[in-house]
Amino acid sequence: MIDLVSTLILVIGVVDDLRSRKIHNSLLLGLLAFAVLFVLAYRGFSGVGYGLLSAGLALALTFPLVYFRALGGGDMKLFTVFAITSDVGTVLQVFVYSIIAGALIGLVRAAISGQLMTVLKSTALVAMNRSIKPSTEFNIPFSAALLLGWLVHCMNATPWGGL
């Protein structure tokens, strides 16, 4: 049941992100309240404590990416709210899967538009020289990569390959 709540949180965030290219703070506050109340009812006070630990890890993993403008603040907050319904191991796995999914989505999008080599060269230049600003032309809503990372985790975590 908790996996469905986690999925719902991410799906709602993705829908908001795709509609407006932003995840609204008012939505995130509502999702936060929902997540905490659900975890409290489902797992008790110790579950909320573990959820807060997971949320702290989610913040620690994503804050550097937000600081260097590789990730938006809304995506960081969505991942943190999601983490409240998860555990530390799940947060780590979803983070890794999401980074891979985001990179693949961006590369496929650039390849389809015929700009793959331009994106690769631009990425290399940004990596070598921090004063160069990355292009935002092929940015993807990272919330979608988070959802994909979560779905990959779910497929790997259950013997039947689903939620």
N, C-alpha and C. Protein backbone atom coordinates (compact mmCIF):
# COMPACT_ATOMS: atom_id res chain seq x y z
N MET A 1 0.81 -1.20 0.00
CA MET A 1 0.00 0.00 0.00
C MET A 1 0.86 1.27 0.00
N ILE A 2 1.96 1.22 0.75
CA ILE A 2 2.82 2.40 0.81
C ILE A 2 3.46 2.68 -0.55
N ASP A 3 3.73 1.62 -1.34
CA ASP A 3 4.29 1.83 -2.67
C ASP A 3 3.32 2.59 -3.57
N LEU A 4 2.03 2.34 -3.39
CA LEU A 4 1.04 3.08 -4.18
C LEU A 4 1.03 4.56 -3.80
N VAL A 5 1.18 4.84 -2.52
CA VAL A 5 1.25 6.24 -2.07
C VAL A 5 2.50 6.91 -2.65
N SER A 6 3.62 6.21 -2.59
CA SER A 6 4.86 6.75 -3.16
C SER A 6 4.69 7.05 -4.65
N THR A 7 4.07 6.12 -5.35
CA THR A 7 3.83 6.30 -6.78
C THR A 7 2.91 7.48 -7.03
N LEU A 8 1.86 7.59 -6.24
CA LEU A 8 0.91 8.69 -6.39
C LEU A 8 1.59 10.04 -6.19
N ILE A 9 2.45 10.14 -5.20
CA ILE A 9 3.18 11.38 -4.95
C ILE A 9 3.99 11.77 -6.18
N LEU A 10 4.71 10.82 -6.75
CA LEU A 10 5.54 11.12 -7.92
C LEU A 10 4.69 11.44 -9.15
N VAL A 11 3.62 10.70 -9.36
CA VAL A 11 2.76 10.95 -10.53
C VAL A 11 2.16 12.35 -10.45
N ILE A 12 1.68 12.74 -9.29
CA ILE A 12 1.11 14.08 -9.13
C ILE A 12 2.18 15.14 -9.40
N GLY A 13 3.39 14.92 -8.91
CA GLY A 13 4.48 15.86 -9.16
C GLY A 13 4.83 15.95 -10.64
N VAL A 14 4.86 14.81 -11.32
CA VAL A 14 5.17 14.79 -12.75
C VAL A 14 4.10 15.55 -13.54
N VAL A 15 2.84 15.31 -13.22
CA VAL A 15 1.75 16.00 -13.94
C VAL A 15 1.88 17.51 -13.77
N ASP A 16 2.13 17.97 -12.55
CA ASP A 16 2.29 19.40 -12.31
C ASP A 16 3.50 19.94 -13.07
N ASP A 17 4.59 19.20 -13.06
CA ASP A 17 5.82 19.61 -13.74
C ASP A 17 5.62 19.68 -15.26
N LEU A 18 4.95 18.70 -15.82
CA LEU A 18 4.73 18.69 -17.27
C LEU A 18 3.78 19.79 -17.71
N ARG A 19 2.81 20.10 -16.87
CA ARG A 19 1.85 21.16 -17.22
C ARG A 19 2.48 22.55 -17.19
N SER A 20 3.29 22.81 -16.18
CA SER A 20 3.76 24.18 -15.99
C SER A 20 5.28 24.34 -15.99
N ARG A 21 6.00 23.22 -16.16
CA ARG A 21 7.47 23.22 -16.09
C ARG A 21 7.94 23.68 -14.71
N LYS A 22 7.08 23.44 -13.71
CA LYS A 22 7.38 23.82 -12.34
C LYS A 22 6.57 22.91 -11.42
N ILE A 23 7.14 22.58 -10.27
CA ILE A 23 6.39 21.85 -9.25
C ILE A 23 6.08 22.87 -8.16
N HIS A 24 4.82 23.17 -8.00
CA HIS A 24 4.38 24.25 -7.13
C HIS A 24 4.54 23.89 -5.65
N ASN A 25 5.00 24.88 -4.87
CA ASN A 25 5.20 24.68 -3.44
C ASN A 25 3.91 24.32 -2.72
N SER A 26 2.79 24.90 -3.13
CA SER A 26 1.52 24.58 -2.47
C SER A 26 1.18 23.10 -2.67
N LEU A 27 1.45 22.59 -3.85
CA LEU A 27 1.23 21.16 -4.10
C LEU A 27 2.16 20.32 -3.25
N LEU A 28 3.41 20.71 -3.17
CA LEU A 28 4.39 19.97 -2.38
C LEU A 28 4.03 19.96 -0.90
N LEU A 29 3.51 21.07 -0.39
CA LEU A 29 3.09 21.10 1.01
C LEU A 29 1.92 20.15 1.27
N GLY A 30 0.98 20.11 0.34
CA GLY A 30 -0.13 19.17 0.45
C GLY A 30 0.35 17.73 0.40
N LEU A 31 1.27 17.44 -0.51
CA LEU A 31 1.82 16.09 -0.61
C LEU A 31 2.62 15.72 0.62
N LEU A 32 3.33 16.70 1.19
CA LEU A 32 4.09 16.46 2.42
C LEU A 32 3.15 16.07 3.56
N ALA A 33 2.08 16.83 3.73
CA ALA A 33 1.11 16.52 4.79
C ALA A 33 0.51 15.13 4.57
N PHE A 34 0.14 14.84 3.33
CA PHE A 34 -0.43 13.53 3.00
C PHE A 34 0.57 12.42 3.31
N ALA A 35 1.82 12.60 2.92
CA ALA A 35 2.85 11.58 3.14
C ALA A 35 3.07 11.33 4.62
N VAL A 36 3.22 12.39 5.39
CA VAL A 36 3.47 12.24 6.82
C VAL A 36 2.28 11.56 7.51
N LEU A 37 1.08 12.01 7.20
CA LEU A 37 -0.11 11.40 7.82
C LEU A 37 -0.25 9.93 7.44
N PHE A 38 0.01 9.62 6.17
CA PHE A 38 -0.11 8.23 5.75
C PHE A 38 0.94 7.35 6.43
N VAL A 39 2.17 7.82 6.47
CA VAL A 39 3.23 7.04 7.11
C VAL A 39 2.94 6.88 8.60
N LEU A 40 2.44 7.93 9.24
CA LEU A 40 2.08 7.85 10.65
C LEU A 40 1.00 6.79 10.87
N ALA A 41 -0.01 6.78 10.03
CA ALA A 41 -1.10 5.81 10.16
C ALA A 41 -0.65 4.39 9.81
N TYR A 42 0.22 4.27 8.83
CA TYR A 42 0.62 2.95 8.32
C TYR A 42 1.78 2.34 9.09
N ARG A 43 2.75 3.19 9.51
CA ARG A 43 3.96 2.67 10.15
C ARG A 43 4.20 3.20 11.56
N GLY A 44 3.39 4.17 12.00
CA GLY A 44 3.55 4.71 13.34
C GLY A 44 4.65 5.76 13.41
N PHE A 45 4.94 6.19 14.65
CA PHE A 45 5.94 7.24 14.86
C PHE A 45 7.34 6.82 14.43
N SER A 46 7.67 5.55 14.62
CA SER A 46 9.00 5.10 14.17
C SER A 46 9.12 5.19 12.65
N GLY A 47 8.01 4.94 11.95
CA GLY A 47 8.02 5.06 10.49
C GLY A 47 8.25 6.49 10.04
N VAL A 48 7.67 7.44 10.79
CA VAL A 48 7.89 8.85 10.47
C VAL A 48 9.37 9.20 10.70
N GLY A 49 9.95 8.65 11.78
CA GLY A 49 11.37 8.89 12.03
C GLY A 49 12.25 8.36 10.92
N TYR A 50 11.97 7.13 10.46
CA TYR A 50 12.73 6.57 9.34
C TYR A 50 12.49 7.38 8.06
N GLY A 51 11.26 7.84 7.90
CA GLY A 51 10.95 8.67 6.74
C GLY A 51 11.71 9.98 6.74
N LEU A 52 11.85 10.57 7.92
CA LEU A 52 12.61 11.81 8.02
C LEU A 52 14.09 11.58 7.74
N LEU A 53 14.60 10.44 8.18
CA LEU A 53 15.99 10.08 7.87
C LEU A 53 16.17 9.93 6.36
N SER A 54 15.22 9.26 5.72
CA SER A 54 15.27 9.09 4.27
C SER A 54 15.16 10.44 3.56
N ALA A 55 14.30 11.31 4.08
CA ALA A 55 14.14 12.64 3.49
C ALA A 55 15.45 13.43 3.61
N GLY A 56 16.12 13.30 4.75
CA GLY A 56 17.42 13.96 4.92
C GLY A 56 18.43 13.48 3.90
N LEU A 57 18.43 12.17 3.65
CA LEU A 57 19.33 11.62 2.63
C LEU A 57 18.98 12.17 1.26
N ALA A 58 17.68 12.23 0.94
CA ALA A 58 17.25 12.76 -0.36
C ALA A 58 17.73 14.20 -0.53
N LEU A 59 17.61 14.99 0.51
CA LEU A 59 18.11 16.37 0.45
C LEU A 59 19.62 16.40 0.26
N ALA A 60 20.33 15.56 0.99
CA ALA A 60 21.79 15.53 0.89
C ALA A 60 22.25 15.12 -0.51
N LEU A 61 21.53 14.20 -1.12
CA LEU A 61 21.91 13.75 -2.47
C LEU A 61 21.60 14.79 -3.54
N THR A 62 20.49 15.49 -3.39
CA THR A 62 20.05 16.39 -4.46
C THR A 62 20.49 17.85 -4.28
N PHE A 63 20.79 18.26 -3.06
CA PHE A 63 21.17 19.67 -2.86
C PHE A 63 22.37 20.08 -3.71
N PRO A 64 23.44 19.28 -3.79
CA PRO A 64 24.56 19.69 -4.65
C PRO A 64 24.14 19.86 -6.12
N LEU A 65 23.22 19.03 -6.58
CA LEU A 65 22.76 19.14 -7.96
C LEU A 65 21.95 20.43 -8.18
N VAL A 66 21.18 20.81 -7.17
CA VAL A 66 20.43 22.07 -7.24
C VAL A 66 21.41 23.24 -7.18
N TYR A 67 22.39 23.14 -6.31
CA TYR A 67 23.39 24.21 -6.16
C TYR A 67 24.11 24.47 -7.47
N PHE A 68 24.45 23.41 -8.20
CA PHE A 68 25.15 23.57 -9.47
C PHE A 68 24.20 23.66 -10.66
N ARG A 69 22.93 23.84 -10.36
CA ARG A 69 21.88 24.06 -11.36
C ARG A 69 21.69 22.91 -12.34
N ALA A 70 22.00 21.71 -11.89
CA ALA A 70 21.75 20.53 -12.71
C ALA A 70 20.35 19.99 -12.44
N LEU A 71 19.71 20.49 -11.40
CA LEU A 71 18.41 20.01 -10.96
C LEU A 71 17.64 21.20 -10.39
N GLY A 72 16.33 21.19 -10.58
CA GLY A 72 15.51 22.27 -10.04
C GLY A 72 15.14 22.04 -8.58
N GLY A 73 14.86 23.12 -7.89
CA GLY A 73 14.48 23.02 -6.49
C GLY A 73 13.19 22.24 -6.28
N GLY A 74 12.25 22.35 -7.20
CA GLY A 74 11.01 21.59 -7.09
C GLY A 74 11.24 20.10 -7.17
N ASP A 75 12.17 19.69 -8.03
CA ASP A 75 12.51 18.27 -8.13
C ASP A 75 13.14 17.77 -6.84
N MET A 76 13.99 18.59 -6.24
CA MET A 76 14.61 18.23 -4.96
C MET A 76 13.53 18.06 -3.89
N LYS A 77 12.60 18.99 -3.84
CA LYS A 77 11.54 18.92 -2.83
C LYS A 77 10.61 17.74 -3.07
N LEU A 78 10.30 17.46 -4.34
CA LEU A 78 9.45 16.30 -4.65
C LEU A 78 10.13 15.01 -4.21
N PHE A 79 11.42 14.88 -4.49
CA PHE A 79 12.16 13.68 -4.09
C PHE A 79 12.20 13.55 -2.57
N THR A 80 12.29 14.69 -1.88
CA THR A 80 12.31 14.67 -0.42
C THR A 80 10.97 14.22 0.14
N VAL A 81 9.87 14.71 -0.43
CA VAL A 81 8.54 14.28 0.02
C VAL A 81 8.36 12.79 -0.26
N PHE A 82 8.76 12.36 -1.45
CA PHE A 82 8.70 10.94 -1.79
C PHE A 82 9.48 10.11 -0.78
N ALA A 83 10.65 10.60 -0.38
CA ALA A 83 11.53 9.85 0.51
C ALA A 83 10.89 9.58 1.87
N ILE A 84 9.99 10.43 2.30
CA ILE A 84 9.32 10.22 3.59
C ILE A 84 8.56 8.90 3.59
N THR A 85 8.10 8.45 2.43
CA THR A 85 7.36 7.19 2.35
C THR A 85 8.28 6.01 2.07
N SER A 86 9.58 6.25 2.05
CA SER A 86 10.54 5.21 1.66
C SER A 86 11.53 4.94 2.78
N ASP A 87 12.54 4.15 2.45
CA ASP A 87 13.64 3.92 3.38
C ASP A 87 14.93 4.36 2.70
N VAL A 88 16.00 4.36 3.47
CA VAL A 88 17.28 4.87 2.98
C VAL A 88 17.76 4.09 1.75
N GLY A 89 17.66 2.78 1.78
CA GLY A 89 18.12 1.97 0.65
C GLY A 89 17.34 2.28 -0.62
N THR A 90 16.03 2.44 -0.48
CA THR A 90 15.19 2.78 -1.63
C THR A 90 15.55 4.15 -2.18
N VAL A 91 15.78 5.11 -1.30
CA VAL A 91 16.15 6.45 -1.75
C VAL A 91 17.44 6.40 -2.56
N LEU A 92 18.43 5.66 -2.08
CA LEU A 92 19.69 5.54 -2.82
C LEU A 92 19.47 4.91 -4.20
N GLN A 93 18.72 3.82 -4.22
CA GLN A 93 18.48 3.13 -5.50
C GLN A 93 17.71 4.01 -6.47
N VAL A 94 16.65 4.64 -6.00
CA VAL A 94 15.85 5.49 -6.88
C VAL A 94 16.67 6.67 -7.39
N PHE A 95 17.52 7.22 -6.55
CA PHE A 95 18.37 8.32 -6.98
C PHE A 95 19.28 7.87 -8.13
N VAL A 96 19.96 6.75 -7.97
CA VAL A 96 20.86 6.26 -9.01
C VAL A 96 20.09 5.95 -10.29
N TYR A 97 18.97 5.24 -10.17
CA TYR A 97 18.15 4.92 -11.35
C TYR A 97 17.65 6.19 -12.03
N SER A 98 17.30 7.19 -11.24
CA SER A 98 16.77 8.44 -11.80
C SER A 98 17.84 9.22 -12.55
N ILE A 99 19.04 9.24 -12.03
CA ILE A 99 20.14 9.92 -12.73
C ILE A 99 20.39 9.25 -14.08
N ILE A 100 20.40 7.93 -14.08
CA ILE A 100 20.59 7.19 -15.33
C ILE A 100 19.43 7.45 -16.28
N ALA A 101 18.19 7.39 -15.78
CA ALA A 101 17.01 7.63 -16.62
C ALA A 101 17.04 9.04 -17.20
N GLY A 102 17.38 10.03 -16.37
CA GLY A 102 17.43 11.41 -16.85
C GLY A 102 18.47 11.59 -17.94
N ALA A 103 19.63 10.97 -17.76
CA ALA A 103 20.67 11.07 -18.79
C ALA A 103 20.23 10.41 -20.09
N LEU A 104 19.62 9.24 -19.98
CA LEU A 104 19.17 8.55 -21.18
C LEU A 104 18.06 9.31 -21.90
N ILE A 105 17.12 9.86 -21.14
CA ILE A 105 16.04 10.64 -21.76
C ILE A 105 16.63 11.85 -22.49
N GLY A 106 17.56 12.53 -21.85
CA GLY A 106 18.18 13.69 -22.48
C GLY A 106 18.94 13.34 -23.74
N LEU A 107 19.68 12.24 -23.70
CA LEU A 107 20.44 11.81 -24.88
C LEU A 107 19.52 11.38 -26.02
N VAL A 108 18.47 10.67 -25.70
CA VAL A 108 17.51 10.24 -26.74
C VAL A 108 16.84 11.47 -27.35
N ARG A 109 16.46 12.39 -26.50
CA ARG A 109 15.82 13.61 -27.00
C ARG A 109 16.76 14.39 -27.92
N ALA A 110 18.03 14.49 -27.54
CA ALA A 110 19.01 15.19 -28.38
C ALA A 110 19.25 14.43 -29.68
N ALA A 111 19.31 13.09 -29.60
CA ALA A 111 19.53 12.29 -30.81
C ALA A 111 18.37 12.44 -31.79
N ILE A 112 17.16 12.42 -31.27
CA ILE A 112 15.98 12.54 -32.13
C ILE A 112 15.98 13.89 -32.86
N SER A 113 16.44 14.92 -32.18
CA SER A 113 16.46 16.25 -32.80
C SER A 113 17.71 16.48 -33.65
N GLY A 114 18.61 15.48 -33.71
CA GLY A 114 19.82 15.62 -34.51
C GLY A 114 20.90 16.46 -33.84
N GLN A 115 20.80 16.67 -32.53
CA GLN A 115 21.73 17.53 -31.82
C GLN A 115 22.61 16.77 -30.82
N LEU A 116 22.71 15.47 -30.96
CA LEU A 116 23.43 14.67 -29.97
C LEU A 116 24.89 15.10 -29.82
N MET A 117 25.61 15.28 -30.91
CA MET A 117 27.02 15.66 -30.82
C MET A 117 27.17 17.05 -30.19
N THR A 118 26.27 17.96 -30.50
CA THR A 118 26.31 19.30 -29.91
C THR A 118 26.13 19.22 -28.40
N VAL A 119 25.18 18.39 -27.96
CA VAL A 119 24.92 18.24 -26.52
C VAL A 119 26.12 17.61 -25.83
N LEU A 120 26.71 16.59 -26.44
CA LEU A 120 27.87 15.94 -25.85
C LEU A 120 29.06 16.90 -25.74
N LYS A 121 29.29 17.69 -26.78
CA LYS A 121 30.39 18.67 -26.74
C LYS A 121 30.12 19.73 -25.68
N SER A 122 28.89 20.21 -25.62
CA SER A 122 28.52 21.22 -24.63
C SER A 122 28.68 20.68 -23.21
N THR A 123 28.29 19.44 -23.00
CA THR A 123 28.43 18.82 -21.68
C THR A 123 29.89 18.72 -21.29
N ALA A 124 30.73 18.33 -22.24
CA ALA A 124 32.16 18.23 -21.96
C ALA A 124 32.75 19.59 -21.62
N LEU A 125 32.34 20.63 -22.34
CA LEU A 125 32.84 21.98 -22.06
C LEU A 125 32.42 22.45 -20.68
N VAL A 126 31.18 22.20 -20.32
CA VAL A 126 30.69 22.61 -19.00
C VAL A 126 31.43 21.85 -17.91
N ALA A 127 31.68 20.56 -18.13
CA ALA A 127 32.38 19.75 -17.13
C ALA A 127 33.82 20.23 -16.94
N MET A 128 34.45 20.72 -18.01
CA MET A 128 35.84 21.16 -17.91
C MET A 128 35.96 22.60 -17.43
N ASN A 129 34.94 23.42 -17.67
CA ASN A 129 35.02 24.84 -17.32
C ASN A 129 33.73 25.26 -16.63
N ARG A 130 33.75 25.37 -15.32
CA ARG A 130 32.55 25.67 -14.53
C ARG A 130 31.98 27.06 -14.83
N SER A 131 32.74 27.95 -15.47
CA SER A 131 32.22 29.29 -15.75
C SER A 131 31.26 29.28 -16.94
N ILE A 132 31.27 28.21 -17.72
CA ILE A 132 30.36 28.10 -18.86
C ILE A 132 29.01 27.60 -18.34
N LYS A 133 27.95 28.27 -18.74
CA LYS A 133 26.61 27.89 -18.33
C LYS A 133 26.09 26.79 -19.25
N PRO A 134 25.48 25.72 -18.67
CA PRO A 134 24.94 24.67 -19.51
C PRO A 134 23.73 25.15 -20.29
N SER A 135 23.54 24.59 -21.47
CA SER A 135 22.39 24.92 -22.30
C SER A 135 21.13 24.31 -21.67
N THR A 136 20.05 25.05 -21.74
CA THR A 136 18.79 24.53 -21.19
C THR A 136 17.88 23.98 -22.28
N GLU A 137 18.39 23.94 -23.51
CA GLU A 137 17.57 23.53 -24.64
C GLU A 137 17.06 22.09 -24.51
N PHE A 138 17.85 21.21 -23.92
CA PHE A 138 17.45 19.81 -23.83
C PHE A 138 17.17 19.38 -22.39
N ASN A 139 16.85 20.35 -21.54
CA ASN A 139 16.46 20.00 -20.17
C ASN A 139 15.20 19.15 -20.20
N ILE A 140 15.13 18.21 -19.29
CA ILE A 140 13.94 17.39 -19.15
C ILE A 140 13.38 17.63 -17.76
N PRO A 141 12.08 17.44 -17.61
CA PRO A 141 11.55 17.53 -16.24
C PRO A 141 12.09 16.34 -15.44
N PHE A 142 12.95 16.62 -14.46
CA PHE A 142 13.58 15.53 -13.72
C PHE A 142 12.57 14.73 -12.92
N SER A 143 11.40 15.31 -12.66
CA SER A 143 10.36 14.56 -11.97
C SER A 143 10.01 13.30 -12.76
N ALA A 144 10.03 13.39 -14.09
CA ALA A 144 9.75 12.21 -14.92
C ALA A 144 10.84 11.16 -14.73
N ALA A 145 12.09 11.59 -14.63
CA ALA A 145 13.19 10.65 -14.38
C ALA A 145 13.05 10.03 -12.99
N LEU A 146 12.60 10.81 -12.00
CA LEU A 146 12.36 10.25 -10.67
C LEU A 146 11.30 9.16 -10.72
N LEU A 147 10.23 9.44 -11.44
CA LEU A 147 9.17 8.42 -11.56
C LEU A 147 9.70 7.17 -12.25
N LEU A 148 10.46 7.35 -13.31
CA LEU A 148 11.04 6.19 -14.00
C LEU A 148 12.01 5.43 -13.09
N GLY A 149 12.82 6.16 -12.34
CA GLY A 149 13.73 5.52 -11.39
C GLY A 149 12.98 4.71 -10.35
N TRP A 150 11.87 5.26 -9.85
CA TRP A 150 11.03 4.56 -8.89
C TRP A 150 10.42 3.30 -9.51
N LEU A 151 9.94 3.41 -10.73
CA LEU A 151 9.33 2.25 -11.39
C LEU A 151 10.35 1.15 -11.65
N VAL A 152 11.57 1.52 -12.01
CA VAL A 152 12.63 0.52 -12.19
C VAL A 152 12.93 -0.14 -10.85
N HIS A 153 12.99 0.65 -9.79
CA HIS A 153 13.20 0.08 -8.45
C HIS A 153 12.09 -0.91 -8.11
N CYS A 154 10.85 -0.54 -8.38
CA CYS A 154 9.72 -1.43 -8.08
C CYS A 154 9.80 -2.73 -8.87
N MET A 155 10.21 -2.65 -10.12
CA MET A 155 10.32 -3.86 -10.94
C MET A 155 11.42 -4.77 -10.40
N ASN A 156 12.48 -4.19 -9.87
CA ASN A 156 13.59 -4.98 -9.33
C ASN A 156 13.34 -5.47 -7.91
N ALA A 157 12.44 -4.81 -7.18
CA ALA A 157 12.25 -5.11 -5.76
C ALA A 157 11.22 -6.18 -5.50
N THR A 158 10.37 -6.48 -6.46
CA THR A 158 9.33 -7.47 -6.23
C THR A 158 9.50 -8.66 -7.16
N PRO A 159 9.19 -9.85 -6.68
CA PRO A 159 9.40 -11.03 -7.51
C PRO A 159 8.52 -11.06 -8.78
N TRP A 160 7.37 -10.38 -8.75
CA TRP A 160 6.49 -10.40 -9.90
C TRP A 160 6.72 -9.21 -10.81
N GLY A 161 7.65 -8.33 -10.45
CA GLY A 161 8.07 -7.25 -11.34
C GLY A 161 7.10 -6.08 -11.40
N GLY A 162 6.40 -5.78 -10.35
CA GLY A 162 5.49 -4.65 -10.36
C GLY A 162 5.16 -4.18 -8.96
N LEU A 163 4.29 -3.19 -8.92
CA LEU A 163 3.87 -2.65 -7.63
C LEU A 163 3.01 -3.66 -6.95
